[in-house]
Amino acid sequence: MAQAHTDHDGSHGSYSAYLIGFVLAVILTVASFAAVMAHVLPPSMTIAVLTFLAIVQIVVHLVFFLHLNTSREQSWNLMCFIFAAATVIVIIGGTLFIMHDTAINMMSR
């Protein structure tokens, strides 16, 4: 008889946790669309609101769907994620800095 694969280490979330994560993700997505479509904020404030909502949505996905938390079992996963995020930030920030510096030095204003 074939046995179903069961995972007893508790790493998977419950249905209620997935439902809460899904509802939060939908609310954040609708809020992002509303911030853009309503045209009630100036463009710079709209970008700031979208950035904040995007960061909150990333955290919601990491916590509710990828089960990334500060527990002892997740410490290596958390450290790897932080290292990967820092690497991406350095690469993107360095690229933007180099592109800006090149544009200034080439006088392409």
PDB file of N, CA and C in Angstrom:
ATOM      1  N   MET A   1       0.818  -1.169   0.000  1.00  0.00           N
ATOM      2  CA  MET A   1       0.000   0.000   0.000  1.00  0.00           C
ATOM      3  C   MET A   1       0.872   1.247   0.000  1.00  0.00           C
ATOM      4  N   ALA A   2       0.480   2.171  -0.783  1.00  0.00           N
ATOM      5  CA  ALA A   2       1.211   3.441  -0.836  1.00  0.00           C
ATOM      6  C   ALA A   2       0.779   4.310   0.338  1.00  0.00           C
ATOM      7  N   GLN A   3       1.780   4.888   0.983  1.00  0.00           N
ATOM      8  CA  GLN A   3       1.467   5.759   2.105  1.00  0.00           C
ATOM      9  C   GLN A   3       1.580   7.206   1.666  1.00  0.00           C
ATOM     10  N   ALA A   4       0.689   8.018   2.165  1.00  0.00           N
ATOM     11  CA  ALA A   4       0.738   9.442   1.859  1.00  0.00           C
ATOM     12  C   ALA A   4       1.896  10.068   2.615  1.00  0.00           C
ATOM     13  N   HIS A   5       2.528  11.031   1.980  1.00  0.00           N
ATOM     14  CA  HIS A   5       3.643  11.734   2.617  1.00  0.00           C
ATOM     15  C   HIS A   5       3.096  12.659   3.688  1.00  0.00           C
ATOM     16  N   THR A   6       3.559  12.472   4.896  1.00  0.00           N
ATOM     17  CA  THR A   6       3.143  13.345   5.979  1.00  0.00           C
ATOM     18  C   THR A   6       4.359  14.029   6.550  1.00  0.00           C
ATOM     19  N   ASP A   7       4.196  15.273   6.921  1.00  0.00           N
ATOM     20  CA  ASP A   7       5.279  16.074   7.476  1.00  0.00           C
ATOM     21  C   ASP A   7       4.912  16.433   8.909  1.00  0.00           C
ATOM     22  N   HIS A   8       5.670  15.902   9.859  1.00  0.00           N
ATOM     23  CA  HIS A   8       5.331  16.104  11.256  1.00  0.00           C
ATOM     24  C   HIS A   8       6.220  17.110  11.959  1.00  0.00           C
ATOM     25  N   ASP A   9       7.047  17.836  11.219  1.00  0.00           N
ATOM     26  CA  ASP A   9       7.949  18.773  11.897  1.00  0.00           C
ATOM     27  C   ASP A   9       7.307  20.135  12.146  1.00  0.00           C
ATOM     28  N   GLY A  10       6.073  20.332  11.722  1.00  0.00           N
ATOM     29  CA  GLY A  10       5.372  21.576  12.004  1.00  0.00           C
ATOM     30  C   GLY A  10       5.822  22.753  11.162  1.00  0.00           C
ATOM     31  N   SER A  11       6.513  22.498  10.065  1.00  0.00           N
ATOM     32  CA  SER A  11       7.018  23.612   9.260  1.00  0.00           C
ATOM     33  C   SER A  11       5.963  24.193   8.343  1.00  0.00           C
ATOM     34  N   HIS A  12       4.887  23.484   8.140  1.00  0.00           N
ATOM     35  CA  HIS A  12       3.833  23.990   7.265  1.00  0.00           C
ATOM     36  C   HIS A  12       2.782  24.688   8.094  1.00  0.00           C
ATOM     37  N   GLY A  13       2.195  25.709   7.503  1.00  0.00           N
ATOM     38  CA  GLY A  13       1.190  26.495   8.211  1.00  0.00           C
ATOM     39  C   GLY A  13      -0.170  25.840   8.169  1.00  0.00           C
ATOM     40  N   SER A  14      -1.048  26.361   8.951  1.00  0.00           N
ATOM     41  CA  SER A  14      -2.415  25.862   8.983  1.00  0.00           C
ATOM     42  C   SER A  14      -3.239  26.576   7.901  1.00  0.00           C
ATOM     43  N   TYR A  15      -4.431  26.061   7.691  1.00  0.00           N
ATOM     44  CA  TYR A  15      -5.309  26.685   6.701  1.00  0.00           C
ATOM     45  C   TYR A  15      -5.660  28.107   7.106  1.00  0.00           C
ATOM     46  N   SER A  16      -5.846  28.327   8.398  1.00  0.00           N
ATOM     47  CA  SER A  16      -6.194  29.676   8.845  1.00  0.00           C
ATOM     48  C   SER A  16      -5.034  30.645   8.606  1.00  0.00           C
ATOM     49  N   ALA A  17      -3.794  30.188   8.785  1.00  0.00           N
ATOM     50  CA  ALA A  17      -2.641  31.056   8.524  1.00  0.00           C
ATOM     51  C   ALA A  17      -2.554  31.394   7.034  1.00  0.00           C
ATOM     52  N   TYR A  18      -2.789  30.394   6.183  1.00  0.00           N
ATOM     53  CA  TYR A  18      -2.787  30.665   4.743  1.00  0.00           C
ATOM     54  C   TYR A  18      -3.912  31.619   4.364  1.00  0.00           C
ATOM     55  N   LEU A  19      -5.074  31.452   4.968  1.00  0.00           N
ATOM     56  CA  LEU A  19      -6.207  32.322   4.665  1.00  0.00           C
ATOM     57  C   LEU A  19      -5.933  33.753   5.113  1.00  0.00           C
ATOM     58  N   ILE A  20      -5.345  33.915   6.302  1.00  0.00           N
ATOM     59  CA  ILE A  20      -4.992  35.251   6.781  1.00  0.00           C
ATOM     60  C   ILE A  20      -3.968  35.888   5.846  1.00  0.00           C
ATOM     61  N   GLY A  21      -2.959  35.131   5.449  1.00  0.00           N
ATOM     62  CA  GLY A  21      -1.952  35.645   4.520  1.00  0.00           C
ATOM     63  C   GLY A  21      -2.556  36.044   3.186  1.00  0.00           C
ATOM     64  N   PHE A  22      -3.463  35.218   2.679  1.00  0.00           N
ATOM     65  CA  PHE A  22      -4.108  35.525   1.406  1.00  0.00           C
ATOM     66  C   PHE A  22      -4.944  36.797   1.499  1.00  0.00           C
ATOM     67  N   VAL A  23      -5.722  36.911   2.570  1.00  0.00           N
ATOM     68  CA  VAL A  23      -6.566  38.100   2.742  1.00  0.00           C
ATOM     69  C   VAL A  23      -5.695  39.350   2.876  1.00  0.00           C
ATOM     70  N   LEU A  24      -4.614  39.277   3.649  1.00  0.00           N
ATOM     71  CA  LEU A  24      -3.715  40.427   3.779  1.00  0.00           C
ATOM     72  C   LEU A  24      -3.075  40.790   2.441  1.00  0.00           C
ATOM     73  N   ALA A  25      -2.671  39.782   1.665  1.00  0.00           N
ATOM     74  CA  ALA A  25      -2.072  40.045   0.357  1.00  0.00           C
ATOM     75  C   ALA A  25      -3.071  40.718  -0.585  1.00  0.00           C
ATOM     76  N   VAL A  26      -4.315  40.263  -0.555  1.00  0.00           N
ATOM     77  CA  VAL A  26      -5.348  40.873  -1.402  1.00  0.00           C
ATOM     78  C   VAL A  26      -5.607  42.315  -0.962  1.00  0.00           C
ATOM     79  N   ILE A  27      -5.704  42.543   0.343  1.00  0.00           N
ATOM     80  CA  ILE A  27      -5.934  43.904   0.845  1.00  0.00           C
ATOM     81  C   ILE A  27      -4.796  44.833   0.445  1.00  0.00           C
ATOM     82  N   LEU A  28      -3.565  44.368   0.576  1.00  0.00           N
ATOM     83  CA  LEU A  28      -2.414  45.199   0.206  1.00  0.00           C
ATOM     84  C   LEU A  28      -2.377  45.473  -1.292  1.00  0.00           C
ATOM     85  N   THR A  29      -2.757  44.491  -2.096  1.00  0.00           N
ATOM     86  CA  THR A  29      -2.794  44.682  -3.545  1.00  0.00           C
ATOM     87  C   THR A  29      -3.866  45.693  -3.932  1.00  0.00           C
ATOM     88  N   VAL A  30      -5.046  45.565  -3.336  1.00  0.00           N
ATOM     89  CA  VAL A  30      -6.140  46.511  -3.619  1.00  0.00           C
ATOM     90  C   VAL A  30      -5.748  47.915  -3.155  1.00  0.00           C
ATOM     91  N   ALA A  31      -5.087  48.011  -2.004  1.00  0.00           N
ATOM     92  CA  ALA A  31      -4.647  49.316  -1.509  1.00  0.00           C
ATOM     93  C   ALA A  31      -3.642  49.955  -2.462  1.00  0.00           C
ATOM     94  N   SER A  32      -2.756  49.149  -3.033  1.00  0.00           N
ATOM     95  CA  SER A  32      -1.785  49.675  -3.998  1.00  0.00           C
ATOM     96  C   SER A  32      -2.483  50.210  -5.245  1.00  0.00           C
ATOM     97  N   PHE A  33      -3.427  49.424  -5.775  1.00  0.00           N
ATOM     98  CA  PHE A  33      -4.170  49.890  -6.949  1.00  0.00           C
ATOM     99  C   PHE A  33      -4.975  51.140  -6.623  1.00  0.00           C
ATOM    100  N   ALA A  34      -5.578  51.188  -5.441  1.00  0.00           N
ATOM    101  CA  ALA A  34      -6.376  52.345  -5.057  1.00  0.00           C
ATOM    102  C   ALA A  34      -5.512  53.593  -4.917  1.00  0.00           C
ATOM    103  N   ALA A  35      -4.305  53.428  -4.384  1.00  0.00           N
ATOM    104  CA  ALA A  35      -3.411  54.585  -4.226  1.00  0.00           C
ATOM    105  C   ALA A  35      -3.046  55.185  -5.578  1.00  0.00           C
ATOM    106  N   VAL A  36      -2.915  54.341  -6.585  1.00  0.00           N
ATOM    107  CA  VAL A  36      -2.543  54.834  -7.919  1.00  0.00           C
ATOM    108  C   VAL A  36      -3.764  55.352  -8.672  1.00  0.00           C
ATOM    109  N   MET A  37      -4.852  54.613  -8.632  1.00  0.00           N
ATOM    110  CA  MET A  37      -6.011  54.951  -9.445  1.00  0.00           C
ATOM    111  C   MET A  37      -6.793  56.144  -8.908  1.00  0.00           C
ATOM    112  N   ALA A  38      -6.718  56.437  -7.607  1.00  0.00           N
ATOM    113  CA  ALA A  38      -7.507  57.520  -7.027  1.00  0.00           C
ATOM    114  C   ALA A  38      -6.937  58.898  -7.348  1.00  0.00           C
ATOM    115  N   HIS A  39      -5.651  58.987  -7.615  1.00  0.00           N
ATOM    116  CA  HIS A  39      -4.983  60.257  -7.929  1.00  0.00           C
ATOM    117  C   HIS A  39      -5.204  61.310  -6.848  1.00  0.00           C
ATOM    118  N   VAL A  40      -5.250  60.909  -5.577  1.00  0.00           N
ATOM    119  CA  VAL A  40      -5.457  61.871  -4.495  1.00  0.00           C
ATOM    120  C   VAL A  40      -4.135  62.306  -3.858  1.00  0.00           C
ATOM    121  N   LEU A  41      -3.062  61.583  -4.156  1.00  0.00           N
ATOM    122  CA  LEU A  41      -1.753  61.906  -3.594  1.00  0.00           C
ATOM    123  C   LEU A  41      -0.848  62.463  -4.682  1.00  0.00           C
ATOM    124  N   PRO A  42       0.093  63.327  -4.304  1.00  0.00           N
ATOM    125  CA  PRO A  42       1.082  63.766  -5.287  1.00  0.00           C
ATOM    126  C   PRO A  42       1.968  62.581  -5.696  1.00  0.00           C
ATOM    127  N   PRO A  43       2.593  62.661  -6.878  1.00  0.00           N
ATOM    128  CA  PRO A  43       3.371  61.522  -7.377  1.00  0.00           C
ATOM    129  C   PRO A  43       4.455  61.027  -6.413  1.00  0.00           C
ATOM    130  N   SER A  44       5.165  61.932  -5.760  1.00  0.00           N
ATOM    131  CA  SER A  44       6.222  61.476  -4.856  1.00  0.00           C
ATOM    132  C   SER A  44       5.645  60.742  -3.652  1.00  0.00           C
ATOM    133  N   MET A  45       4.512  61.198  -3.155  1.00  0.00           N
ATOM    134  CA  MET A  45       3.869  60.513  -2.029  1.00  0.00           C
ATOM    135  C   MET A  45       3.295  59.170  -2.476  1.00  0.00           C
ATOM    136  N   THR A  46       2.788  59.104  -3.697  1.00  0.00           N
ATOM    137  CA  THR A  46       2.275  57.837  -4.220  1.00  0.00           C
ATOM    138  C   THR A  46       3.385  56.800  -4.297  1.00  0.00           C
ATOM    139  N   ILE A  47       4.559  57.215  -4.751  1.00  0.00           N
ATOM    140  CA  ILE A  47       5.690  56.286  -4.816  1.00  0.00           C
ATOM    141  C   ILE A  47       6.080  55.824  -3.419  1.00  0.00           C
ATOM    142  N   ALA A  48       6.063  56.723  -2.444  1.00  0.00           N
ATOM    143  CA  ALA A  48       6.395  56.348  -1.072  1.00  0.00           C
ATOM    144  C   ALA A  48       5.372  55.359  -0.508  1.00  0.00           C
ATOM    145  N   VAL A  49       4.091  55.590  -0.781  1.00  0.00           N
ATOM    146  CA  VAL A  49       3.045  54.685  -0.309  1.00  0.00           C
ATOM    147  C   VAL A  49       3.182  53.321  -0.968  1.00  0.00           C
ATOM    148  N   LEU A  50       3.433  53.302  -2.272  1.00  0.00           N
ATOM    149  CA  LEU A  50       3.614  52.026  -2.982  1.00  0.00           C
ATOM    150  C   LEU A  50       4.831  51.263  -2.461  1.00  0.00           C
ATOM    151  N   THR A  51       5.909  51.981  -2.158  1.00  0.00           N
ATOM    152  CA  THR A  51       7.096  51.329  -1.616  1.00  0.00           C
ATOM    153  C   THR A  51       6.790  50.706  -0.261  1.00  0.00           C
ATOM    154  N   PHE A  52       6.104  51.450   0.597  1.00  0.00           N
ATOM    155  CA  PHE A  52       5.737  50.926   1.912  1.00  0.00           C
ATOM    156  C   PHE A  52       4.834  49.700   1.781  1.00  0.00           C
ATOM    157  N   LEU A  53       3.812  49.775   0.932  1.00  0.00           N
ATOM    158  CA  LEU A  53       2.902  48.652   0.752  1.00  0.00           C
ATOM    159  C   LEU A  53       3.614  47.430   0.163  1.00  0.00           C
ATOM    160  N   ALA A  54       4.580  47.662  -0.716  1.00  0.00           N
ATOM    161  CA  ALA A  54       5.342  46.552  -1.293  1.00  0.00           C
ATOM    162  C   ALA A  54       6.190  45.863  -0.233  1.00  0.00           C
ATOM    163  N   ILE A  55       6.818  46.643   0.633  1.00  0.00           N
ATOM    164  CA  ILE A  55       7.636  46.051   1.697  1.00  0.00           C
ATOM    165  C   ILE A  55       6.764  45.249   2.665  1.00  0.00           C
ATOM    166  N   VAL A  56       5.596  45.798   3.001  1.00  0.00           N
ATOM    167  CA  VAL A  56       4.681  45.071   3.890  1.00  0.00           C
ATOM    168  C   VAL A  56       4.212  43.779   3.225  1.00  0.00           C
ATOM    169  N   GLN A  57       3.946  43.833   1.917  1.00  0.00           N
ATOM    170  CA  GLN A  57       3.492  42.632   1.225  1.00  0.00           C
ATOM    171  C   GLN A  57       4.603  41.581   1.149  1.00  0.00           C
ATOM    172  N   ILE A  58       5.842  42.004   0.989  1.00  0.00           N
ATOM    173  CA  ILE A  58       6.963  41.058   1.008  1.00  0.00           C
ATOM    174  C   ILE A  58       7.027  40.365   2.366  1.00  0.00           C
ATOM    175  N   VAL A  59       6.871  41.126   3.438  1.00  0.00           N
ATOM    176  CA  VAL A  59       6.904  40.541   4.783  1.00  0.00           C
ATOM    177  C   VAL A  59       5.743  39.566   4.971  1.00  0.00           C
ATOM    178  N   VAL A  60       4.555  39.920   4.493  1.00  0.00           N
ATOM    179  CA  VAL A  60       3.398  39.021   4.596  1.00  0.00           C
ATOM    180  C   VAL A  60       3.679  37.712   3.872  1.00  0.00           C
ATOM    181  N   HIS A  61       4.232  37.779   2.670  1.00  0.00           N
ATOM    182  CA  HIS A  61       4.533  36.560   1.924  1.00  0.00           C
ATOM    183  C   HIS A  61       5.595  35.720   2.624  1.00  0.00           C
ATOM    184  N   LEU A  62       6.620  36.371   3.145  1.00  0.00           N
ATOM    185  CA  LEU A  62       7.676  35.633   3.829  1.00  0.00           C
ATOM    186  C   LEU A  62       7.166  34.936   5.084  1.00  0.00           C
ATOM    187  N   VAL A  63       6.312  35.593   5.830  1.00  0.00           N
ATOM    188  CA  VAL A  63       5.837  35.027   7.098  1.00  0.00           C
ATOM    189  C   VAL A  63       4.740  33.994   6.877  1.00  0.00           C
ATOM    190  N   PHE A  64       3.726  34.328   6.083  1.00  0.00           N
ATOM    191  CA  PHE A  64       2.564  33.456   5.980  1.00  0.00           C
ATOM    192  C   PHE A  64       2.712  32.344   4.945  1.00  0.00           C
ATOM    193  N   PHE A  65       3.470  32.550   3.877  1.00  0.00           N
ATOM    194  CA  PHE A  65       3.561  31.535   2.835  1.00  0.00           C
ATOM    195  C   PHE A  65       4.901  30.797   2.825  1.00  0.00           C
ATOM    196  N   LEU A  66       5.988  31.485   3.125  1.00  0.00           N
ATOM    197  CA  LEU A  66       7.294  30.823   3.175  1.00  0.00           C
ATOM    198  C   LEU A  66       7.684  30.419   4.589  1.00  0.00           C
ATOM    199  N   HIS A  67       6.870  30.767   5.573  1.00  0.00           N
ATOM    200  CA  HIS A  67       7.050  30.383   6.972  1.00  0.00           C
ATOM    201  C   HIS A  67       8.420  30.784   7.500  1.00  0.00           C
ATOM    202  N   LEU A  68       8.883  31.944   7.104  1.00  0.00           N
ATOM    203  CA  LEU A  68      10.168  32.450   7.568  1.00  0.00           C
ATOM    204  C   LEU A  68       9.933  33.237   8.848  1.00  0.00           C
ATOM    205  N   ASN A  69      10.549  32.781   9.930  1.00  0.00           N
ATOM    206  CA  ASN A  69      10.382  33.466  11.210  1.00  0.00           C
ATOM    207  C   ASN A  69      11.699  33.401  11.974  1.00  0.00           C
ATOM    208  N   THR A  70      11.681  33.840  13.212  1.00  0.00           N
ATOM    209  CA  THR A  70      12.918  33.907  13.988  1.00  0.00           C
ATOM    210  C   THR A  70      13.106  32.710  14.908  1.00  0.00           C
ATOM    211  N   SER A  71      12.402  31.628  14.643  1.00  0.00           N
ATOM    212  CA  SER A  71      12.565  30.444  15.475  1.00  0.00           C
ATOM    213  C   SER A  71      13.929  29.806  15.220  1.00  0.00           C
ATOM    214  N   ARG A  72      14.342  28.960  16.137  1.00  0.00           N
ATOM    215  CA  ARG A  72      15.654  28.319  16.045  1.00  0.00           C
ATOM    216  C   ARG A  72      15.777  27.445  14.789  1.00  0.00           C
ATOM    217  N   GLU A  73      14.687  26.811  14.403  1.00  0.00           N
ATOM    218  CA  GLU A  73      14.714  25.938  13.220  1.00  0.00           C
ATOM    219  C   GLU A  73      14.906  26.733  11.924  1.00  0.00           C
ATOM    220  N   GLN A  74      14.477  27.980  11.935  1.00  0.00           N
ATOM    221  CA  GLN A  74      14.532  28.809  10.732  1.00  0.00           C
ATOM    222  C   GLN A  74      15.734  29.744  10.694  1.00  0.00           C
ATOM    223  N   SER A  75      16.648  29.637  11.649  1.00  0.00           N
ATOM    224  CA  SER A  75      17.740  30.612  11.735  1.00  0.00           C
ATOM    225  C   SER A  75      18.627  30.606  10.487  1.00  0.00           C
ATOM    226  N   TRP A  76      18.938  29.432   9.954  1.00  0.00           N
ATOM    227  CA  TRP A  76      19.781  29.383   8.746  1.00  0.00           C
ATOM    228  C   TRP A  76      19.036  29.945   7.542  1.00  0.00           C
ATOM    229  N   ASN A  77      17.759  29.625   7.426  1.00  0.00           N
ATOM    230  CA  ASN A  77      16.973  30.172   6.318  1.00  0.00           C
ATOM    231  C   ASN A  77      16.887  31.684   6.414  1.00  0.00           C
ATOM    232  N   LEU A  78      16.716  32.200   7.626  1.00  0.00           N
ATOM    233  CA  LEU A  78      16.636  33.641   7.822  1.00  0.00           C
ATOM    234  C   LEU A  78      17.966  34.311   7.487  1.00  0.00           C
ATOM    235  N   MET A  79      19.070  33.715   7.925  1.00  0.00           N
ATOM    236  CA  MET A  79      20.390  34.289   7.608  1.00  0.00           C
ATOM    237  C   MET A  79      20.659  34.268   6.105  1.00  0.00           C
ATOM    238  N   CYS A  80      20.288  33.186   5.436  1.00  0.00           N
ATOM    239  CA  CYS A  80      20.474  33.108   3.981  1.00  0.00           C
ATOM    240  C   CYS A  80      19.628  34.148   3.264  1.00  0.00           C
ATOM    241  N   PHE A  81      18.395  34.350   3.731  1.00  0.00           N
ATOM    242  CA  PHE A  81      17.535  35.359   3.118  1.00  0.00           C
ATOM    243  C   PHE A  81      18.106  36.750   3.319  1.00  0.00           C
ATOM    244  N   ILE A  82      18.561  37.055   4.523  1.00  0.00           N
ATOM    245  CA  ILE A  82      19.129  38.378   4.798  1.00  0.00           C
ATOM    246  C   ILE A  82      20.367  38.610   3.948  1.00  0.00           C
ATOM    247  N   PHE A  83      21.228  37.600   3.817  1.00  0.00           N
ATOM    248  CA  PHE A  83      22.417  37.732   2.974  1.00  0.00           C
ATOM    249  C   PHE A  83      22.040  37.956   1.514  1.00  0.00           C
ATOM    250  N   ALA A  84      21.064  37.203   1.017  1.00  0.00           N
ATOM    251  CA  ALA A  84      20.643  37.357  -0.376  1.00  0.00           C
ATOM    252  C   ALA A  84      20.041  38.739  -0.607  1.00  0.00           C
ATOM    253  N   ALA A  85      19.216  39.211   0.337  1.00  0.00           N
ATOM    254  CA  ALA A  85      18.608  40.535   0.202  1.00  0.00           C
ATOM    255  C   ALA A  85      19.678  41.626   0.234  1.00  0.00           C
ATOM    256  N   ALA A  86      20.654  41.498   1.131  1.00  0.00           N
ATOM    257  CA  ALA A  86      21.734  42.488   1.202  1.00  0.00           C
ATOM    258  C   ALA A  86      22.553  42.490  -0.084  1.00  0.00           C
ATOM    259  N   THR A  87      22.807  41.318  -0.641  1.00  0.00           N
ATOM    260  CA  THR A  87      23.555  41.227  -1.900  1.00  0.00           C
ATOM    261  C   THR A  87      22.799  41.914  -3.028  1.00  0.00           C
ATOM    262  N   VAL A  88      21.512  41.674  -3.121  1.00  0.00           N
ATOM    263  CA  VAL A  88      20.699  42.309  -4.163  1.00  0.00           C
ATOM    264  C   VAL A  88      20.690  43.823  -3.990  1.00  0.00           C
ATOM    265  N   ILE A  89      20.562  44.293  -2.750  1.00  0.00           N
ATOM    266  CA  ILE A  89      20.559  45.735  -2.496  1.00  0.00           C
ATOM    267  C   ILE A  89      21.890  46.363  -2.884  1.00  0.00           C
ATOM    268  N   VAL A  90      22.994  45.704  -2.559  1.00  0.00           N
ATOM    269  CA  VAL A  90      24.314  46.232  -2.917  1.00  0.00           C
ATOM    270  C   VAL A  90      24.494  46.264  -4.432  1.00  0.00           C
ATOM    271  N   ILE A  91      24.076  45.214  -5.112  1.00  0.00           N
ATOM    272  CA  ILE A  91      24.229  45.164  -6.573  1.00  0.00           C
ATOM    273  C   ILE A  91      23.375  46.233  -7.243  1.00  0.00           C
ATOM    274  N   ILE A  92      22.119  46.349  -6.854  1.00  0.00           N
ATOM    275  CA  ILE A  92      21.241  47.347  -7.463  1.00  0.00           C
ATOM    276  C   ILE A  92      21.701  48.756  -7.104  1.00  0.00           C
ATOM    277  N   GLY A  93      22.039  48.980  -5.828  1.00  0.00           N
ATOM    278  CA  GLY A  93      22.521  50.299  -5.414  1.00  0.00           C
ATOM    279  C   GLY A  93      23.814  50.679  -6.118  1.00  0.00           C
ATOM    280  N   GLY A  94      24.739  49.727  -6.228  1.00  0.00           N
ATOM    281  CA  GLY A  94      25.996  49.993  -6.942  1.00  0.00           C
ATOM    282  C   GLY A  94      25.777  50.296  -8.406  1.00  0.00           C
ATOM    283  N   THR A  95      24.876  49.564  -9.027  1.00  0.00           N
ATOM    284  CA  THR A  95      24.575  49.796 -10.437  1.00  0.00           C
ATOM    285  C   THR A  95      23.982  51.182 -10.641  1.00  0.00           C
ATOM    286  N   LEU A  96      23.031  51.557  -9.780  1.00  0.00           N
ATOM    287  CA  LEU A  96      22.434  52.893  -9.893  1.00  0.00           C
ATOM    288  C   LEU A  96      23.470  53.983  -9.648  1.00  0.00           C
ATOM    289  N   PHE A  97      24.360  53.776  -8.678  1.00  0.00           N
ATOM    290  CA  PHE A  97      25.406  54.751  -8.405  1.00  0.00           C
ATOM    291  C   PHE A  97      26.337  54.907  -9.606  1.00  0.00           C
ATOM    292  N   ILE A  98      26.751  53.795 -10.189  1.00  0.00           N
ATOM    293  CA  ILE A  98      27.649  53.848 -11.346  1.00  0.00           C
ATOM    294  C   ILE A  98      26.964  54.520 -12.530  1.00  0.00           C
ATOM    295  N   MET A  99      25.710  54.198 -12.765  1.00  0.00           N
ATOM    296  CA  MET A  99      24.992  54.817 -13.882  1.00  0.00           C
ATOM    297  C   MET A  99      24.833  56.320 -13.663  1.00  0.00           C
ATOM    298  N   HIS A 100      24.527  56.731 -12.449  1.00  0.00           N
ATOM    299  CA  HIS A 100      24.384  58.156 -12.144  1.00  0.00           C
ATOM    300  C   HIS A 100      25.730  58.876 -12.275  1.00  0.00           C
ATOM    301  N   ASP A 101      26.777  58.284 -11.727  1.00  0.00           N
ATOM    302  CA  ASP A 101      28.098  58.887 -11.787  1.00  0.00           C
ATOM    303  C   ASP A 101      28.592  59.007 -13.234  1.00  0.00           C
ATOM    304  N   THR A 102      28.328  57.989 -14.032  1.00  0.00           N
ATOM    305  CA  THR A 102      28.716  58.047 -15.449  1.00  0.00           C
ATOM    306  C   THR A 102      27.938  59.132 -16.171  1.00  0.00           C
ATOM    307  N   ALA A 103      26.661  59.255 -15.884  1.00  0.00           N
ATOM    308  CA  ALA A 103      25.859  60.292 -16.541  1.00  0.00           C
ATOM    309  C   ALA A 103      26.346  61.677 -16.150  1.00  0.00           C
ATOM    310  N   ILE A 104      26.720  61.877 -14.893  1.00  0.00           N
ATOM    311  CA  ILE A 104      27.220  63.183 -14.447  1.00  0.00           C
ATOM    312  C   ILE A 104      28.569  63.486 -15.113  1.00  0.00           C
ATOM    313  N   ASN A 105      29.452  62.513 -15.150  1.00  0.00           N
ATOM    314  CA  ASN A 105      30.772  62.736 -15.731  1.00  0.00           C
ATOM    315  C   ASN A 105      30.751  62.876 -17.245  1.00  0.00           C
ATOM    316  N   MET A 106      29.741  62.334 -17.893  1.00  0.00           N
ATOM    317  CA  MET A 106      29.639  62.455 -19.350  1.00  0.00           C
ATOM    318  C   MET A 106      28.865  63.726 -19.728  1.00  0.00           C
ATOM    319  N   MET A 107      28.355  64.434 -18.746  1.00  0.00           N
ATOM    320  CA  MET A 107      27.581  65.662 -18.941  1.00  0.00           C
ATOM    321  C   MET A 107      26.410  65.443 -19.887  1.00  0.00           C
ATOM    322  N   SER A 108      25.655  64.407 -19.618  1.00  0.00           N
ATOM    323  CA  SER A 108      24.509  64.092 -20.478  1.00  0.00           C
ATOM    324  C   SER A 108      23.214  64.619 -19.887  1.00  0.00           C
ATOM    325  N   ARG A 109      23.280  65.763 -19.270  1.00  0.00           N
ATOM    326  CA  ARG A 109      22.069  66.337 -18.667  1.00  0.00           C
ATOM    327  C   ARG A 109      21.244  67.050 -19.655  1.00  0.00           C
TER     328      ARG A 109
END
